Amino acid sequence: MSSIEAMQITSASLNNPALNRQESTMNSKTLYAACLFAALNICTLSARAESQVQPETYTYGSHLDVRKVLSISEGDGVACSVVNARMTYLDSQSQEHVLDYRKFSDRCNEGS
């Protein structure tokens, strides 16, 4: 193919609206795929950062800055007893914290 033929093909594709729409659609799909990939990477990085939060152990007199409780869980206990519990929360600067503490099990509130 000569350079003149290549220029004619390029010129024809620039003047063809159907080809322009196809290229535009392909560019949009590429852009959407890139955005999706970037969003997934950000989610993955934030998930890794959250999993690296080191639990703190509560002691009497510990200062707690709790803005929002994300989750509370407790160890298994078949009877009313003191069990280990864990609270995950956000502080006033939206930093995530994990707090380990001891409490009466929820079985103690069942009235049995």
PDB file of N, CA and C in Angstrom:
ATOM      1  N   MET A   1       0.853  -1.160   0.000  1.00  0.00           N
ATOM      2  CA  MET A   1       0.000   0.000   0.000  1.00  0.00           C
ATOM      3  C   MET A   1       0.903   1.228   0.000  1.00  0.00           C
ATOM      4  N   SER A   2       0.602   2.156  -0.868  1.00  0.00           N
ATOM      5  CA  SER A   2       1.406   3.364  -0.955  1.00  0.00           C
ATOM      6  C   SER A   2       0.950   4.368   0.093  1.00  0.00           C
ATOM      7  N   SER A   3       1.751   5.366   0.312  1.00  0.00           N
ATOM      8  CA  SER A   3       1.403   6.377   1.303  1.00  0.00           C
ATOM      9  C   SER A   3       0.192   7.187   0.864  1.00  0.00           C
ATOM     10  N   ILE A   4      -0.020   7.330  -0.430  1.00  0.00           N
ATOM     11  CA  ILE A   4      -1.186   8.058  -0.927  1.00  0.00           C
ATOM     12  C   ILE A   4      -2.456   7.275  -0.618  1.00  0.00           C
ATOM     13  N   GLU A   5      -2.411   5.942  -0.808  1.00  0.00           N
ATOM     14  CA  GLU A   5      -3.579   5.124  -0.494  1.00  0.00           C
ATOM     15  C   GLU A   5      -3.889   5.176   1.001  1.00  0.00           C
ATOM     16  N   ALA A   6      -2.852   5.139   1.837  1.00  0.00           N
ATOM     17  CA  ALA A   6      -3.030   5.197   3.287  1.00  0.00           C
ATOM     18  C   ALA A   6      -3.668   6.519   3.685  1.00  0.00           C
ATOM     19  N   MET A   7      -3.226   7.626   3.057  1.00  0.00           N
ATOM     20  CA  MET A   7      -3.798   8.937   3.359  1.00  0.00           C
ATOM     21  C   MET A   7      -5.259   8.989   2.928  1.00  0.00           C
ATOM     22  N   GLN A   8      -5.585   8.351   1.778  1.00  0.00           N
ATOM     23  CA  GLN A   8      -6.968   8.342   1.311  1.00  0.00           C
ATOM     24  C   GLN A   8      -7.854   7.542   2.260  1.00  0.00           C
ATOM     25  N   ILE A   9      -7.350   6.408   2.772  1.00  0.00           N
ATOM     26  CA  ILE A   9      -8.126   5.590   3.713  1.00  0.00           C
ATOM     27  C   ILE A   9      -8.354   6.363   5.006  1.00  0.00           C
ATOM     28  N   THR A  10      -7.304   7.039   5.495  1.00  0.00           N
ATOM     29  CA  THR A  10      -7.416   7.830   6.715  1.00  0.00           C
ATOM     30  C   THR A  10      -8.392   8.967   6.506  1.00  0.00           C
ATOM     31  N   SER A  11      -8.319   9.638   5.375  1.00  0.00           N
ATOM     32  CA  SER A  11      -9.221  10.736   5.066  1.00  0.00           C
ATOM     33  C   SER A  11     -10.655  10.234   4.971  1.00  0.00           C
ATOM     34  N   ALA A  12     -10.860   9.080   4.365  1.00  0.00           N
ATOM     35  CA  ALA A  12     -12.205   8.519   4.234  1.00  0.00           C
ATOM     36  C   ALA A  12     -12.772   8.160   5.594  1.00  0.00           C
ATOM     37  N   SER A  13     -11.941   7.622   6.497  1.00  0.00           N
ATOM     38  CA  SER A  13     -12.438   7.244   7.819  1.00  0.00           C
ATOM     39  C   SER A  13     -12.789   8.466   8.655  1.00  0.00           C
ATOM     40  N   LEU A  14     -12.101   9.586   8.452  1.00  0.00           N
ATOM     41  CA  LEU A  14     -12.422  10.808   9.187  1.00  0.00           C
ATOM     42  C   LEU A  14     -13.744  11.394   8.721  1.00  0.00           C
ATOM     43  N   ASN A  15     -14.077  11.203   7.470  1.00  0.00           N
ATOM     44  CA  ASN A  15     -15.309  11.752   6.923  1.00  0.00           C
ATOM     45  C   ASN A  15     -16.486  10.803   7.063  1.00  0.00           C
ATOM     46  N   ASN A  16     -16.277   9.599   7.571  1.00  0.00           N
ATOM     47  CA  ASN A  16     -17.340   8.604   7.687  1.00  0.00           C
ATOM     48  C   ASN A  16     -17.906   8.628   9.107  1.00  0.00           C
ATOM     49  N   PRO A  17     -19.150   9.109   9.297  1.00  0.00           N
ATOM     50  CA  PRO A  17     -19.730   9.200  10.643  1.00  0.00           C
ATOM     51  C   PRO A  17     -19.883   7.842  11.324  1.00  0.00           C
ATOM     52  N   ALA A  18     -20.135   6.788  10.562  1.00  0.00           N
ATOM     53  CA  ALA A  18     -20.290   5.460  11.165  1.00  0.00           C
ATOM     54  C   ALA A  18     -18.983   5.011  11.806  1.00  0.00           C
ATOM     55  N   LEU A  19     -17.871   5.259  11.112  1.00  0.00           N
ATOM     56  CA  LEU A  19     -16.572   4.893  11.684  1.00  0.00           C
ATOM     57  C   LEU A  19     -16.258   5.743  12.896  1.00  0.00           C
ATOM     58  N   ASN A  20     -16.603   7.020  12.856  1.00  0.00           N
ATOM     59  CA  ASN A  20     -16.357   7.897  14.005  1.00  0.00           C
ATOM     60  C   ASN A  20     -17.146   7.424  15.217  1.00  0.00           C
ATOM     61  N   ARG A  21     -18.411   6.984  15.007  1.00  0.00           N
ATOM     62  CA  ARG A  21     -19.216   6.481  16.115  1.00  0.00           C
ATOM     63  C   ARG A  21     -18.611   5.216  16.704  1.00  0.00           C
ATOM     64  N   GLN A  22     -18.109   4.332  15.832  1.00  0.00           N
ATOM     65  CA  GLN A  22     -17.486   3.099  16.312  1.00  0.00           C
ATOM     66  C   GLN A  22     -16.258   3.416  17.146  1.00  0.00           C
ATOM     67  N   GLU A  23     -15.422   4.341  16.668  1.00  0.00           N
ATOM     68  CA  GLU A  23     -14.219   4.716  17.418  1.00  0.00           C
ATOM     69  C   GLU A  23     -14.600   5.370  18.736  1.00  0.00           C
ATOM     70  N   SER A  24     -15.639   6.203  18.715  1.00  0.00           N
ATOM     71  CA  SER A  24     -16.092   6.858  19.936  1.00  0.00           C
ATOM     72  C   SER A  24     -16.603   5.823  20.941  1.00  0.00           C
ATOM     73  N   THR A  25     -17.364   4.828  20.452  1.00  0.00           N
ATOM     74  CA  THR A  25     -17.866   3.772  21.331  1.00  0.00           C
ATOM     75  C   THR A  25     -16.714   2.966  21.903  1.00  0.00           C
ATOM     76  N   MET A  26     -15.724   2.658  21.075  1.00  0.00           N
ATOM     77  CA  MET A  26     -14.562   1.899  21.547  1.00  0.00           C
ATOM     78  C   MET A  26     -13.794   2.711  22.582  1.00  0.00           C
ATOM     79  N   ASN A  27     -13.645   4.018  22.358  1.00  0.00           N
ATOM     80  CA  ASN A  27     -12.943   4.859  23.322  1.00  0.00           C
ATOM     81  C   ASN A  27     -13.717   4.944  24.635  1.00  0.00           C
ATOM     82  N   SER A  28     -15.041   5.023  24.548  1.00  0.00           N
ATOM     83  CA  SER A  28     -15.861   5.066  25.760  1.00  0.00           C
ATOM     84  C   SER A  28     -15.731   3.773  26.545  1.00  0.00           C
ATOM     85  N   LYS A  29     -15.764   2.652  25.853  1.00  0.00           N
ATOM     86  CA  LYS A  29     -15.626   1.367  26.542  1.00  0.00           C
ATOM     87  C   LYS A  29     -14.267   1.239  27.205  1.00  0.00           C
ATOM     88  N   THR A  30     -13.237   1.716  26.530  1.00  0.00           N
ATOM     89  CA  THR A  30     -11.895   1.678  27.114  1.00  0.00           C
ATOM     90  C   THR A  30     -11.835   2.559  28.356  1.00  0.00           C
ATOM     91  N   LEU A  31     -12.448   3.738  28.280  1.00  0.00           N
ATOM     92  CA  LEU A  31     -12.468   4.644  29.425  1.00  0.00           C
ATOM     93  C   LEU A  31     -13.246   4.031  30.591  1.00  0.00           C
ATOM     94  N   TYR A  32     -14.416   3.422  30.305  1.00  0.00           N
ATOM     95  CA  TYR A  32     -15.197   2.779  31.358  1.00  0.00           C
ATOM     96  C   TYR A  32     -14.418   1.633  32.004  1.00  0.00           C
ATOM     97  N   ALA A  33     -13.737   0.855  31.201  1.00  0.00           N
ATOM     98  CA  ALA A  33     -12.957  -0.264  31.731  1.00  0.00           C
ATOM     99  C   ALA A  33     -11.823   0.245  32.621  1.00  0.00           C
ATOM    100  N   ALA A  34     -11.180   1.328  32.202  1.00  0.00           N
ATOM    101  CA  ALA A  34     -10.088   1.895  33.001  1.00  0.00           C
ATOM    102  C   ALA A  34     -10.615   2.428  34.328  1.00  0.00           C
ATOM    103  N   CYS A  35     -11.775   3.091  34.297  1.00  0.00           N
ATOM    104  CA  CYS A  35     -12.366   3.612  35.535  1.00  0.00           C
ATOM    105  C   CYS A  35     -12.760   2.474  36.480  1.00  0.00           C
ATOM    106  N   LEU A  36     -13.339   1.426  35.928  1.00  0.00           N
ATOM    107  CA  LEU A  36     -13.717   0.270  36.746  1.00  0.00           C
ATOM    108  C   LEU A  36     -12.492  -0.367  37.384  1.00  0.00           C
ATOM    109  N   PHE A  37     -11.447  -0.516  36.613  1.00  0.00           N
ATOM    110  CA  PHE A  37     -10.198  -1.091  37.125  1.00  0.00           C
ATOM    111  C   PHE A  37      -9.639  -0.231  38.260  1.00  0.00           C
ATOM    112  N   ALA A  38      -9.645   1.089  38.075  1.00  0.00           N
ATOM    113  CA  ALA A  38      -9.133   1.990  39.111  1.00  0.00           C
ATOM    114  C   ALA A  38      -9.986   1.903  40.375  1.00  0.00           C
ATOM    115  N   ALA A  39     -11.306   1.855  40.218  1.00  0.00           N
ATOM    116  CA  ALA A  39     -12.192   1.770  41.378  1.00  0.00           C
ATOM    117  C   ALA A  39     -11.974   0.471  42.147  1.00  0.00           C
ATOM    118  N   LEU A  40     -11.807  -0.627  41.425  1.00  0.00           N
ATOM    119  CA  LEU A  40     -11.557  -1.907  42.093  1.00  0.00           C
ATOM    120  C   LEU A  40     -10.231  -1.892  42.843  1.00  0.00           C
ATOM    121  N   ASN A  41      -9.222  -1.258  42.267  1.00  0.00           N
ATOM    122  CA  ASN A  41      -7.933  -1.155  42.968  1.00  0.00           C
ATOM    123  C   ASN A  41      -8.057  -0.339  44.236  1.00  0.00           C
ATOM    124  N   ILE A  42      -8.821   0.740  44.197  1.00  0.00           N
ATOM    125  CA  ILE A  42      -9.001   1.571  45.391  1.00  0.00           C
ATOM    126  C   ILE A  42      -9.717   0.768  46.471  1.00  0.00           C
ATOM    127  N   CYS A  43     -10.757   0.017  46.082  1.00  0.00           N
ATOM    128  CA  CYS A  43     -11.481  -0.809  47.057  1.00  0.00           C
ATOM    129  C   CYS A  43     -10.573  -1.867  47.667  1.00  0.00           C
ATOM    130  N   THR A  44      -9.727  -2.466  46.859  1.00  0.00           N
ATOM    131  CA  THR A  44      -8.817  -3.490  47.345  1.00  0.00           C
ATOM    132  C   THR A  44      -7.817  -2.898  48.330  1.00  0.00           C
ATOM    133  N   LEU A  45      -7.287  -1.721  48.009  1.00  0.00           N
ATOM    134  CA  LEU A  45      -6.331  -1.080  48.911  1.00  0.00           C
ATOM    135  C   LEU A  45      -6.980  -0.700  50.229  1.00  0.00           C
ATOM    136  N   SER A  46      -8.217  -0.190  50.187  1.00  0.00           N
ATOM    137  CA  SER A  46      -8.867   0.179  51.435  1.00  0.00           C
ATOM    138  C   SER A  46      -9.199  -1.056  52.261  1.00  0.00           C
ATOM    139  N   ALA A  47      -9.542  -2.154  51.615  1.00  0.00           N
ATOM    140  CA  ALA A  47      -9.812  -3.394  52.348  1.00  0.00           C
ATOM    141  C   ALA A  47      -8.548  -3.903  53.024  1.00  0.00           C
ATOM    142  N   ARG A  48      -7.416  -3.795  52.344  1.00  0.00           N
ATOM    143  CA  ARG A  48      -6.147  -4.204  52.964  1.00  0.00           C
ATOM    144  C   ARG A  48      -5.818  -3.314  54.144  1.00  0.00           C
ATOM    145  N   ALA A  49      -6.052  -2.020  54.018  1.00  0.00           N
ATOM    146  CA  ALA A  49      -5.758  -1.099  55.115  1.00  0.00           C
ATOM    147  C   ALA A  49      -6.646  -1.400  56.321  1.00  0.00           C
ATOM    148  N   GLU A  50      -7.935  -1.723  56.079  1.00  0.00           N
ATOM    149  CA  GLU A  50      -8.833  -2.035  57.178  1.00  0.00           C
ATOM    150  C   GLU A  50      -8.426  -3.308  57.897  1.00  0.00           C
ATOM    151  N   SER A  51      -7.944  -4.289  57.155  1.00  0.00           N
ATOM    152  CA  SER A  51      -7.577  -5.551  57.777  1.00  0.00           C
ATOM    153  C   SER A  51      -6.296  -5.426  58.603  1.00  0.00           C
ATOM    154  N   GLN A  52      -5.570  -4.337  58.455  1.00  0.00           N
ATOM    155  CA  GLN A  52      -4.330  -4.158  59.183  1.00  0.00           C
ATOM    156  C   GLN A  52      -4.519  -3.363  60.472  1.00  0.00           C
ATOM    157  N   VAL A  53      -5.755  -3.052  60.851  1.00  0.00           N
ATOM    158  CA  VAL A  53      -6.023  -2.338  62.093  1.00  0.00           C
ATOM    159  C   VAL A  53      -5.723  -3.272  63.252  1.00  0.00           C
ATOM    160  N   GLN A  54      -4.836  -2.847  64.137  1.00  0.00           N
ATOM    161  CA  GLN A  54      -4.453  -3.662  65.288  1.00  0.00           C
ATOM    162  C   GLN A  54      -5.450  -3.453  66.421  1.00  0.00           C
ATOM    163  N   PRO A  55      -5.956  -4.529  67.007  1.00  0.00           N
ATOM    164  CA  PRO A  55      -6.901  -4.370  68.113  1.00  0.00           C
ATOM    165  C   PRO A  55      -6.220  -3.808  69.357  1.00  0.00           C
ATOM    166  N   GLU A  56      -6.966  -2.953  70.052  1.00  0.00           N
ATOM    167  CA  GLU A  56      -6.513  -2.414  71.336  1.00  0.00           C
ATOM    168  C   GLU A  56      -7.296  -3.146  72.424  1.00  0.00           C
ATOM    169  N   THR A  57      -6.707  -3.298  73.579  1.00  0.00           N
ATOM    170  CA  THR A  57      -7.407  -3.930  74.697  1.00  0.00           C
ATOM    171  C   THR A  57      -7.863  -2.844  75.657  1.00  0.00           C
ATOM    172  N   TYR A  58      -9.135  -2.861  75.974  1.00  0.00           N
ATOM    173  CA  TYR A  58      -9.695  -1.862  76.883  1.00  0.00           C
ATOM    174  C   TYR A  58      -9.203  -2.102  78.297  1.00  0.00           C
ATOM    175  N   THR A  59      -8.827  -1.034  78.953  1.00  0.00           N
ATOM    176  CA  THR A  59      -8.521  -1.061  80.386  1.00  0.00           C
ATOM    177  C   THR A  59      -9.325   0.048  81.046  1.00  0.00           C
ATOM    178  N   TYR A  60      -9.580  -0.119  82.327  1.00  0.00           N
ATOM    179  CA  TYR A  60     -10.353   0.882  83.055  1.00  0.00           C
ATOM    180  C   TYR A  60      -9.673   2.241  82.921  1.00  0.00           C
ATOM    181  N   GLY A  61     -10.433   3.239  82.528  1.00  0.00           N
ATOM    182  CA  GLY A  61      -9.891   4.586  82.375  1.00  0.00           C
ATOM    183  C   GLY A  61      -9.396   4.889  80.963  1.00  0.00           C
ATOM    184  N   SER A  62      -9.479   3.920  80.050  1.00  0.00           N
ATOM    185  CA  SER A  62      -9.071   4.183  78.662  1.00  0.00           C
ATOM    186  C   SER A  62      -9.977   5.252  78.069  1.00  0.00           C
ATOM    187  N   HIS A  63      -9.366   6.219  77.364  1.00  0.00           N
ATOM    188  CA  HIS A  63     -10.151   7.253  76.682  1.00  0.00           C
ATOM    189  C   HIS A  63     -10.602   6.712  75.336  1.00  0.00           C
ATOM    190  N   LEU A  64     -11.901   6.702  75.109  1.00  0.00           N
ATOM    191  CA  LEU A  64     -12.443   6.222  73.842  1.00  0.00           C
ATOM    192  C   LEU A  64     -13.060   7.387  73.080  1.00  0.00           C
ATOM    193  N   ASP A  65     -12.730   7.505  71.822  1.00  0.00           N
ATOM    194  CA  ASP A  65     -13.289   8.518  70.940  1.00  0.00           C
ATOM    195  C   ASP A  65     -14.131   7.769  69.903  1.00  0.00           C
ATOM    196  N   VAL A  66     -15.395   7.522  70.221  1.00  0.00           N
ATOM    197  CA  VAL A  66     -16.264   6.716  69.365  1.00  0.00           C
ATOM    198  C   VAL A  66     -17.291   7.631  68.701  1.00  0.00           C
ATOM    199  N   ARG A  67     -17.207   7.726  67.386  1.00  0.00           N
ATOM    200  CA  ARG A  67     -18.206   8.483  66.626  1.00  0.00           C
ATOM    201  C   ARG A  67     -19.297   7.557  66.110  1.00  0.00           C
ATOM    202  N   LYS A  68     -18.880   6.361  65.607  1.00  0.00           N
ATOM    203  CA  LYS A  68     -19.849   5.424  65.034  1.00  0.00           C
ATOM    204  C   LYS A  68     -19.369   4.000  65.275  1.00  0.00           C
ATOM    205  N   VAL A  69     -20.241   3.174  65.818  1.00  0.00           N
ATOM    206  CA  VAL A  69     -19.930   1.756  66.022  1.00  0.00           C
ATOM    207  C   VAL A  69     -20.245   1.019  64.733  1.00  0.00           C
ATOM    208  N   LEU A  70     -19.262   0.280  64.208  1.00  0.00           N
ATOM    209  CA  LEU A  70     -19.446  -0.483  62.975  1.00  0.00           C
ATOM    210  C   LEU A  70     -19.921  -1.902  63.250  1.00  0.00           C
ATOM    211  N   SER A  71     -19.371  -2.531  64.281  1.00  0.00           N
ATOM    212  CA  SER A  71     -19.803  -3.887  64.618  1.00  0.00           C
ATOM    213  C   SER A  71     -19.413  -4.217  66.056  1.00  0.00           C
ATOM    214  N   ILE A  72     -20.183  -5.132  66.635  1.00  0.00           N
ATOM    215  CA  ILE A  72     -19.889  -5.667  67.972  1.00  0.00           C
ATOM    216  C   ILE A  72     -20.080  -7.176  67.882  1.00  0.00           C
ATOM    217  N   SER A  73     -19.106  -7.908  68.403  1.00  0.00           N
ATOM    218  CA  SER A  73     -19.224  -9.364  68.430  1.00  0.00           C
ATOM    219  C   SER A  73     -18.718  -9.863  69.768  1.00  0.00           C
ATOM    220  N   GLU A  74     -19.165 -11.054  70.136  1.00  0.00           N
ATOM    221  CA  GLU A  74     -18.701 -11.631  71.399  1.00  0.00           C
ATOM    222  C   GLU A  74     -18.397 -13.097  71.205  1.00  0.00           C
ATOM    223  N   GLY A  75     -17.563 -13.616  72.097  1.00  0.00           N
ATOM    224  CA  GLY A  75     -17.195 -15.023  72.050  1.00  0.00           C
ATOM    225  C   GLY A  75     -18.384 -15.904  72.396  1.00  0.00           C
ATOM    226  N   ASP A  76     -18.266 -17.165  72.054  1.00  0.00           N
ATOM    227  CA  ASP A  76     -19.342 -18.121  72.336  1.00  0.00           C
ATOM    228  C   ASP A  76     -19.403 -18.416  73.823  1.00  0.00           C
ATOM    229  N   GLY A  77     -20.593 -18.473  74.315  1.00  0.00           N
ATOM    230  CA  GLY A  77     -20.824 -18.847  75.702  1.00  0.00           C
ATOM    231  C   GLY A  77     -22.183 -19.489  75.816  1.00  0.00           C
ATOM    232  N   VAL A  78     -22.252 -20.631  76.444  1.00  0.00           N
ATOM    233  CA  VAL A  78     -23.533 -21.340  76.539  1.00  0.00           C
ATOM    234  C   VAL A  78     -24.304 -20.935  77.790  1.00  0.00           C
ATOM    235  N   ALA A  79     -23.631 -20.261  78.714  1.00  0.00           N
ATOM    236  CA  ALA A  79     -24.292 -19.859  79.956  1.00  0.00           C
ATOM    237  C   ALA A  79     -23.982 -18.393  80.208  1.00  0.00           C
ATOM    238  N   CYS A  80     -24.670 -17.849  81.187  1.00  0.00           N
ATOM    239  CA  CYS A  80     -24.393 -16.474  81.601  1.00  0.00           C
ATOM    240  C   CYS A  80     -23.015 -16.439  82.246  1.00  0.00           C
ATOM    241  N   SER A  81     -22.077 -15.760  81.569  1.00  0.00           N
ATOM    242  CA  SER A  81     -20.709 -15.675  82.083  1.00  0.00           C
ATOM    243  C   SER A  81     -20.022 -14.458  81.472  1.00  0.00           C
ATOM    244  N   VAL A  82     -18.808 -14.211  81.890  1.00  0.00           N
ATOM    245  CA  VAL A  82     -18.010 -13.125  81.318  1.00  0.00           C
ATOM    246  C   VAL A  82     -17.309 -13.680  80.081  1.00  0.00           C
ATOM    247  N   VAL A  83     -17.434 -12.960  78.952  1.00  0.00           N
ATOM    248  CA  VAL A  83     -16.872 -13.414  77.677  1.00  0.00           C
ATOM    249  C   VAL A  83     -16.022 -12.300  77.060  1.00  0.00           C
ATOM    250  N   ASN A  84     -15.194 -12.693  76.114  1.00  0.00           N
ATOM    251  CA  ASN A  84     -14.426 -11.715  75.333  1.00  0.00           C
ATOM    252  C   ASN A  84     -15.336 -11.121  74.266  1.00  0.00           C
ATOM    253  N   ALA A  85     -15.197  -9.818  74.036  1.00  0.00           N
ATOM    254  CA  ALA A  85     -15.993  -9.141  73.020  1.00  0.00           C
ATOM    255  C   ALA A  85     -15.077  -8.233  72.204  1.00  0.00           C
ATOM    256  N   ARG A  86     -15.542  -7.877  71.026  1.00  0.00           N
ATOM    257  CA  ARG A  86     -14.763  -7.001  70.137  1.00  0.00           C
ATOM    258  C   ARG A  86     -15.703  -5.975  69.512  1.00  0.00           C
ATOM    259  N   MET A  87     -15.275  -4.726  69.548  1.00  0.00           N
ATOM    260  CA  MET A  87     -16.040  -3.639  68.931  1.00  0.00           C
ATOM    261  C   MET A  87     -15.161  -2.971  67.872  1.00  0.00           C
ATOM    262  N   THR A  88     -15.729  -2.796  66.691  1.00  0.00           N
ATOM    263  CA  THR A  88     -15.054  -2.065  65.627  1.00  0.00           C
ATOM    264  C   THR A  88     -15.791  -0.742  65.474  1.00  0.00           C
ATOM    265  N   TYR A  89     -15.063   0.368  65.488  1.00  0.00           N
ATOM    266  CA  TYR A  89     -15.706   1.678  65.462  1.00  0.00           C
ATOM    267  C   TYR A  89     -14.860   2.702  64.716  1.00  0.00           C
ATOM    268  N   LEU A  90     -15.509   3.819  64.392  1.00  0.00           N
ATOM    269  CA  LEU A  90     -14.827   4.969  63.799  1.00  0.00           C
ATOM    270  C   LEU A  90     -14.709   6.049  64.855  1.00  0.00           C
ATOM    271  N   ASP A  91     -13.563   6.731  64.883  1.00  0.00           N
ATOM    272  CA  ASP A  91     -13.389   7.839  65.810  1.00  0.00           C
ATOM    273  C   ASP A  91     -13.850   9.140  65.149  1.00  0.00           C
ATOM    274  N   SER A  92     -13.652  10.272  65.822  1.00  0.00           N
ATOM    275  CA  SER A  92     -14.131  11.557  65.304  1.00  0.00           C
ATOM    276  C   SER A  92     -13.421  11.989  64.026  1.00  0.00           C
ATOM    277  N   GLN A  93     -12.280  11.372  63.697  1.00  0.00           N
ATOM    278  CA  GLN A  93     -11.600  11.665  62.438  1.00  0.00           C
ATOM    279  C   GLN A  93     -11.804  10.565  61.394  1.00  0.00           C
ATOM    280  N   SER A  94     -12.804   9.726  61.613  1.00  0.00           N
ATOM    281  CA  SER A  94     -13.166   8.620  60.713  1.00  0.00           C
ATOM    282  C   SER A  94     -12.059   7.584  60.566  1.00  0.00           C
ATOM    283  N   GLN A  95     -11.213   7.450  61.565  1.00  0.00           N
ATOM    284  CA  GLN A  95     -10.210   6.395  61.596  1.00  0.00           C
ATOM    285  C   GLN A  95     -10.837   5.167  62.250  1.00  0.00           C
ATOM    286  N   GLU A  96     -10.598   4.002  61.669  1.00  0.00           N
ATOM    287  CA  GLU A  96     -11.179   2.779  62.204  1.00  0.00           C
ATOM    288  C   GLU A  96     -10.329   2.230  63.344  1.00  0.00           C
ATOM    289  N   HIS A  97     -10.998   1.749  64.384  1.00  0.00           N
ATOM    290  CA  HIS A  97     -10.331   1.146  65.542  1.00  0.00           C
ATOM    291  C   HIS A  97     -11.033  -0.159  65.880  1.00  0.00           C
ATOM    292  N   VAL A  98     -10.284  -1.074  66.491  1.00  0.00           N
ATOM    293  CA  VAL A  98     -10.833  -2.332  66.986  1.00  0.00           C
ATOM    294  C   VAL A  98     -10.482  -2.408  68.465  1.00  0.00           C
ATOM    295  N   LEU A  99     -11.499  -2.658  69.288  1.00  0.00           N
ATOM    296  CA  LEU A  99     -11.315  -2.682  70.732  1.00  0.00           C
ATOM    297  C   LEU A  99     -11.754  -4.035  71.274  1.00  0.00           C
ATOM    298  N   ASP A 100     -10.848  -4.716  71.972  1.00  0.00           N
ATOM    299  CA  ASP A 100     -11.163  -5.961  72.661  1.00  0.00           C
ATOM    300  C   ASP A 100     -11.472  -5.640  74.110  1.00  0.00           C
ATOM    301  N   TYR A 101     -12.517  -6.273  74.653  1.00  0.00           N
ATOM    302  CA  TYR A 101     -12.888  -6.030  76.049  1.00  0.00           C
ATOM    303  C   TYR A 101     -13.636  -7.245  76.591  1.00  0.00           C
ATOM    304  N   ARG A 102     -13.885  -7.244  77.888  1.00  0.00           N
ATOM    305  CA  ARG A 102     -14.612  -8.326  78.555  1.00  0.00           C
ATOM    306  C   ARG A 102     -15.980  -7.797  78.962  1.00  0.00           C
ATOM    307  N   LYS A 103     -17.001  -8.663  78.872  1.00  0.00           N
ATOM    308  CA  LYS A 103     -18.353  -8.251  79.245  1.00  0.00           C
ATOM    309  C   LYS A 103     -19.167  -9.476  79.633  1.00  0.00           C
ATOM    310  N   PHE A 104     -20.320  -9.230  80.271  1.00  0.00           N
ATOM    311  CA  PHE A 104     -21.258 -10.313  80.512  1.00  0.00           C
ATOM    312  C   PHE A 104     -21.860 -10.716  79.179  1.00  0.00           C
ATOM    313  N   SER A 105     -22.023 -12.013  78.967  1.00  0.00           N
ATOM    314  CA  SER A 105     -22.563 -12.486  77.693  1.00  0.00           C
ATOM    315  C   SER A 105     -24.015 -12.049  77.533  1.00  0.00           C
ATOM    316  N   ASP A 106     -24.468 -12.039  76.300  1.00  0.00           N
ATOM    317  CA  ASP A 106     -25.858 -11.691  76.027  1.00  0.00           C
ATOM    318  C   ASP A 106     -26.823 -12.703  76.634  1.00  0.00           C
ATOM    319  N   ARG A 107     -26.341 -13.898  76.935  1.00  0.00           N
ATOM    320  CA  ARG A 107     -27.180 -14.929  77.584  1.00  0.00           C
ATOM    321  C   ARG A 107     -27.673 -14.461  78.942  1.00  0.00           C
ATOM    322  N   CYS A 108     -26.914 -13.568  79.592  1.00  0.00           N
ATOM    323  CA  CYS A 108     -27.314 -13.082  80.917  1.00  0.00           C
ATOM    324  C   CYS A 108     -28.584 -12.227  80.835  1.00  0.00           C
ATOM    325  N   ASN A 109     -28.894 -11.685  79.661  1.00  0.00           N
ATOM    326  CA  ASN A 109     -30.070 -10.815  79.503  1.00  0.00           C
ATOM    327  C   ASN A 109     -31.286 -11.574  78.996  1.00  0.00           C
ATOM    328  N   GLU A 110     -31.166 -12.881  78.799  1.00  0.00           N
ATOM    329  CA  GLU A 110     -32.282 -13.657  78.259  1.00  0.00           C
ATOM    330  C   GLU A 110     -33.301 -14.041  79.312  1.00  0.00           C
ATOM    331  N   GLY A 111     -32.998 -13.853  80.580  1.00  0.00           N
ATOM    332  CA  GLY A 111     -33.943 -14.154  81.647  1.00  0.00           C
ATOM    333  C   GLY A 111     -34.118 -15.625  81.950  1.00  0.00           C
ATOM    334  N   SER A 112     -33.162 -16.450  81.572  1.00  0.00           N
ATOM    335  CA  SER A 112     -33.318 -17.877  81.861  1.00  0.00           C
ATOM    336  C   SER A 112     -32.586 -18.294  83.094  1.00  0.00           C
TER     337      SER A 112
END
